[in-house]
């Protein structure tokens, strides 16, 4: 792997990580703590949405982000020819 490819691979990896961490932060901290009163005005299935994000939504989002990261990293590995 050339140094240019290595740098491009690392840059793509860091940009993916940055986007996913921002999404996780917004869902867990923003929706679950900062905007809880706004989301609590919405009720789904008898539960307030702010409570759901604080208790379960951030965990579900994190699990989805893990699988999405694995899928995207496999694609990046194929693109930069560093797959197993």
N, C-alpha and C. Protein backbone atom coordinates (compact mmCIF):
# COMPACT_ATOMS: atom_id res chain seq x y z
N UNK A 1 0.85 -1.18 0.00
CA UNK A 1 0.00 0.00 0.00
C UNK A 1 0.90 1.24 0.00
N UNK A 2 0.62 2.14 -0.90
CA UNK A 2 1.42 3.35 -1.01
C UNK A 2 1.07 4.32 0.12
N UNK A 3 1.98 5.23 0.44
CA UNK A 3 1.66 6.22 1.48
C UNK A 3 0.44 7.08 1.14
N UNK A 4 0.22 7.35 -0.15
CA UNK A 4 -0.95 8.15 -0.54
C UNK A 4 -2.24 7.36 -0.29
N UNK A 5 -2.23 6.07 -0.63
CA UNK A 5 -3.40 5.23 -0.37
C UNK A 5 -3.64 5.06 1.11
N UNK A 6 -2.56 4.92 1.87
CA UNK A 6 -2.68 4.78 3.32
C UNK A 6 -3.30 6.03 3.93
N UNK A 7 -2.87 7.20 3.47
CA UNK A 7 -3.43 8.46 3.97
C UNK A 7 -4.89 8.62 3.57
N UNK A 8 -5.22 8.24 2.34
CA UNK A 8 -6.62 8.34 1.88
C UNK A 8 -7.51 7.38 2.65
N UNK A 9 -7.02 6.18 2.91
CA UNK A 9 -7.77 5.19 3.69
C UNK A 9 -8.03 5.71 5.10
N UNK A 10 -7.00 6.25 5.72
CA UNK A 10 -7.13 6.77 7.08
C UNK A 10 -8.08 7.96 7.12
N UNK A 11 -8.00 8.83 6.11
CA UNK A 11 -8.89 9.98 6.05
C UNK A 11 -10.35 9.54 5.89
N UNK A 12 -10.59 8.55 5.04
CA UNK A 12 -11.95 8.03 4.85
C UNK A 12 -12.47 7.39 6.13
N UNK A 13 -11.60 6.66 6.82
CA UNK A 13 -11.97 6.02 8.08
C UNK A 13 -12.32 7.08 9.13
N UNK A 14 -11.50 8.11 9.26
CA UNK A 14 -11.77 9.15 10.25
C UNK A 14 -13.02 9.96 9.93
N UNK A 15 -13.27 10.21 8.66
CA UNK A 15 -14.48 10.96 8.32
C UNK A 15 -15.73 10.13 8.62
N UNK A 16 -15.67 8.83 8.35
CA UNK A 16 -16.79 7.95 8.68
C UNK A 16 -17.01 7.92 10.20
N UNK A 17 -15.93 7.75 10.94
CA UNK A 17 -16.04 7.75 12.41
C UNK A 17 -16.61 9.06 12.94
N UNK A 18 -16.16 10.17 12.37
CA UNK A 18 -16.64 11.48 12.82
C UNK A 18 -18.14 11.63 12.61
N UNK A 19 -18.61 11.24 11.45
CA UNK A 19 -20.05 11.35 11.16
C UNK A 19 -20.85 10.46 12.10
N UNK A 20 -20.40 9.24 12.31
CA UNK A 20 -21.14 8.32 13.17
C UNK A 20 -21.12 8.77 14.63
N UNK A 21 -20.00 9.31 15.09
CA UNK A 21 -19.95 9.82 16.46
C UNK A 21 -20.84 11.04 16.66
N UNK A 22 -20.93 11.89 15.65
CA UNK A 22 -21.83 13.05 15.74
C UNK A 22 -23.28 12.59 15.80
N UNK A 23 -23.63 11.60 14.97
CA UNK A 23 -24.99 11.06 15.01
C UNK A 23 -25.29 10.47 16.38
N UNK A 24 -24.35 9.69 16.92
CA UNK A 24 -24.56 9.09 18.22
C UNK A 24 -24.70 10.15 19.31
N UNK A 25 -23.87 11.19 19.25
CA UNK A 25 -23.94 12.26 20.23
C UNK A 25 -25.28 12.99 20.16
N UNK A 26 -25.71 13.31 18.96
CA UNK A 26 -26.98 14.03 18.80
C UNK A 26 -28.14 13.20 19.33
N UNK A 27 -28.15 11.92 19.03
CA UNK A 27 -29.26 11.07 19.47
C UNK A 27 -29.21 10.86 20.98
N UNK A 28 -28.04 10.53 21.52
CA UNK A 28 -27.98 10.20 22.95
C UNK A 28 -28.02 11.44 23.84
N UNK A 29 -27.21 12.43 23.54
CA UNK A 29 -27.15 13.61 24.40
C UNK A 29 -28.19 14.65 24.00
N UNK A 30 -28.29 14.91 22.71
CA UNK A 30 -29.22 15.93 22.24
C UNK A 30 -30.67 15.55 22.44
N UNK A 31 -31.06 14.37 21.91
CA UNK A 31 -32.45 13.95 22.00
C UNK A 31 -32.81 13.45 23.40
N UNK A 32 -31.87 12.79 24.07
CA UNK A 32 -32.16 12.19 25.36
C UNK A 32 -32.04 13.13 26.54
N UNK A 33 -31.27 14.23 26.40
CA UNK A 33 -31.06 15.13 27.54
C UNK A 33 -31.47 16.56 27.21
N UNK A 34 -30.89 17.13 26.17
CA UNK A 34 -31.13 18.54 25.88
C UNK A 34 -32.54 18.81 25.35
N UNK A 35 -33.02 17.98 24.47
CA UNK A 35 -34.32 18.20 23.84
C UNK A 35 -35.41 17.29 24.39
N UNK A 36 -35.20 16.77 25.58
CA UNK A 36 -36.15 15.82 26.15
C UNK A 36 -37.53 16.45 26.35
N UNK A 37 -37.59 17.69 26.75
CA UNK A 37 -38.89 18.33 26.98
C UNK A 37 -39.65 18.53 25.67
N UNK A 38 -38.93 18.84 24.62
CA UNK A 38 -39.56 19.00 23.31
C UNK A 38 -40.12 17.67 22.83
N UNK A 39 -39.32 16.62 22.94
CA UNK A 39 -39.75 15.30 22.47
C UNK A 39 -40.79 14.66 23.39
N UNK A 40 -40.85 15.09 24.63
CA UNK A 40 -41.85 14.52 25.54
C UNK A 40 -43.27 14.98 25.20
N UNK A 41 -43.40 15.97 24.34
CA UNK A 41 -44.74 16.38 23.91
C UNK A 41 -45.31 15.40 22.89
N UNK A 42 -44.45 14.55 22.35
CA UNK A 42 -44.88 13.53 21.38
C UNK A 42 -44.95 12.19 22.09
N UNK A 43 -46.04 11.49 21.89
CA UNK A 43 -46.23 10.20 22.53
C UNK A 43 -46.40 9.12 21.47
N UNK A 44 -45.62 8.05 21.60
CA UNK A 44 -45.71 6.92 20.68
C UNK A 44 -45.89 5.66 21.52
N UNK A 45 -46.97 4.96 21.29
CA UNK A 45 -47.23 3.72 22.02
C UNK A 45 -47.42 3.93 23.51
N UNK A 46 -47.87 5.09 23.90
CA UNK A 46 -48.10 5.37 25.31
C UNK A 46 -46.87 5.88 26.06
N UNK A 47 -45.74 5.96 25.37
CA UNK A 47 -44.51 6.45 26.00
C UNK A 47 -44.12 7.78 25.37
N UNK A 48 -43.60 8.66 26.22
CA UNK A 48 -43.12 9.93 25.71
C UNK A 48 -41.84 9.71 24.92
N UNK A 49 -41.71 10.38 23.79
CA UNK A 49 -40.59 10.17 22.89
C UNK A 49 -39.26 10.56 23.53
N UNK A 50 -39.23 11.60 24.33
CA UNK A 50 -38.00 11.99 25.02
C UNK A 50 -37.52 10.92 25.97
N UNK A 51 -38.44 10.32 26.69
CA UNK A 51 -38.10 9.22 27.59
C UNK A 51 -37.57 8.03 26.81
N UNK A 52 -38.22 7.72 25.66
CA UNK A 52 -37.78 6.59 24.85
C UNK A 52 -36.37 6.80 24.33
N UNK A 53 -36.05 8.01 23.84
CA UNK A 53 -34.70 8.28 23.36
C UNK A 53 -33.68 8.16 24.49
N UNK A 54 -34.04 8.63 25.67
CA UNK A 54 -33.10 8.58 26.79
C UNK A 54 -32.86 7.15 27.26
N UNK A 55 -33.88 6.31 27.22
CA UNK A 55 -33.76 4.96 27.77
C UNK A 55 -33.38 3.92 26.74
N UNK A 56 -33.97 3.97 25.55
CA UNK A 56 -33.76 2.90 24.58
C UNK A 56 -33.29 3.39 23.22
N UNK A 57 -33.70 4.54 22.81
CA UNK A 57 -33.40 5.03 21.47
C UNK A 57 -31.92 5.19 21.21
N UNK A 58 -31.18 5.68 22.19
CA UNK A 58 -29.75 5.85 21.98
C UNK A 58 -29.04 4.50 21.89
N UNK A 59 -29.52 3.51 22.61
CA UNK A 59 -28.92 2.17 22.54
C UNK A 59 -29.21 1.54 21.19
N UNK A 60 -30.45 1.63 20.72
CA UNK A 60 -30.79 1.08 19.40
C UNK A 60 -30.00 1.79 18.30
N UNK A 61 -29.88 3.09 18.42
CA UNK A 61 -29.12 3.85 17.44
C UNK A 61 -27.66 3.41 17.44
N UNK A 62 -27.09 3.21 18.62
CA UNK A 62 -25.70 2.77 18.72
C UNK A 62 -25.50 1.42 18.05
N UNK A 63 -26.43 0.50 18.25
CA UNK A 63 -26.32 -0.83 17.64
C UNK A 63 -26.41 -0.73 16.12
N UNK A 64 -27.32 0.09 15.61
CA UNK A 64 -27.43 0.30 14.17
C UNK A 64 -26.14 0.91 13.62
N UNK A 65 -25.57 1.87 14.35
CA UNK A 65 -24.33 2.49 13.91
C UNK A 65 -23.17 1.51 13.88
N UNK A 66 -23.13 0.56 14.79
CA UNK A 66 -22.07 -0.46 14.79
C UNK A 66 -22.15 -1.30 13.52
N UNK A 67 -23.36 -1.77 13.17
CA UNK A 67 -23.51 -2.57 11.97
C UNK A 67 -23.24 -1.75 10.70
N UNK A 68 -23.66 -0.49 10.70
CA UNK A 68 -23.40 0.38 9.56
C UNK A 68 -21.89 0.62 9.41
N UNK A 69 -21.19 0.82 10.52
CA UNK A 69 -19.74 1.02 10.47
C UNK A 69 -19.04 -0.22 9.92
N UNK A 70 -19.44 -1.38 10.35
CA UNK A 70 -18.83 -2.61 9.86
C UNK A 70 -19.08 -2.77 8.36
N UNK A 71 -20.28 -2.48 7.92
CA UNK A 71 -20.60 -2.58 6.50
C UNK A 71 -19.78 -1.60 5.67
N UNK A 72 -19.69 -0.33 6.13
CA UNK A 72 -18.93 0.68 5.39
C UNK A 72 -17.43 0.40 5.42
N UNK A 73 -16.92 -0.12 6.53
CA UNK A 73 -15.50 -0.43 6.60
C UNK A 73 -15.16 -1.59 5.67
N UNK A 74 -16.04 -2.55 5.53
CA UNK A 74 -15.81 -3.62 4.56
C UNK A 74 -15.73 -3.06 3.15
N UNK A 75 -16.59 -2.10 2.84
CA UNK A 75 -16.55 -1.47 1.52
C UNK A 75 -15.26 -0.67 1.34
N UNK A 76 -14.83 0.04 2.39
CA UNK A 76 -13.57 0.79 2.31
C UNK A 76 -12.38 -0.15 2.16
N UNK A 77 -12.40 -1.24 2.88
CA UNK A 77 -11.32 -2.22 2.77
C UNK A 77 -11.22 -2.77 1.35
N UNK A 78 -12.37 -3.03 0.73
CA UNK A 78 -12.38 -3.51 -0.65
C UNK A 78 -11.85 -2.43 -1.59
N UNK A 79 -12.28 -1.20 -1.37
CA UNK A 79 -11.87 -0.09 -2.24
C UNK A 79 -10.36 0.13 -2.20
N UNK A 80 -9.77 0.05 -1.01
CA UNK A 80 -8.34 0.31 -0.86
C UNK A 80 -7.51 -0.99 -0.86
N UNK A 81 -8.15 -2.09 -1.16
CA UNK A 81 -7.49 -3.39 -1.29
C UNK A 81 -6.72 -3.78 -0.02
N UNK A 82 -7.37 -3.63 1.12
CA UNK A 82 -6.79 -4.08 2.39
C UNK A 82 -7.71 -5.08 3.07
N UNK A 83 -8.59 -5.69 2.29
CA UNK A 83 -9.52 -6.67 2.86
C UNK A 83 -8.79 -7.98 3.17
N UNK A 84 -9.46 -8.78 3.96
CA UNK A 84 -8.84 -10.04 4.40
C UNK A 84 -8.88 -11.09 3.33
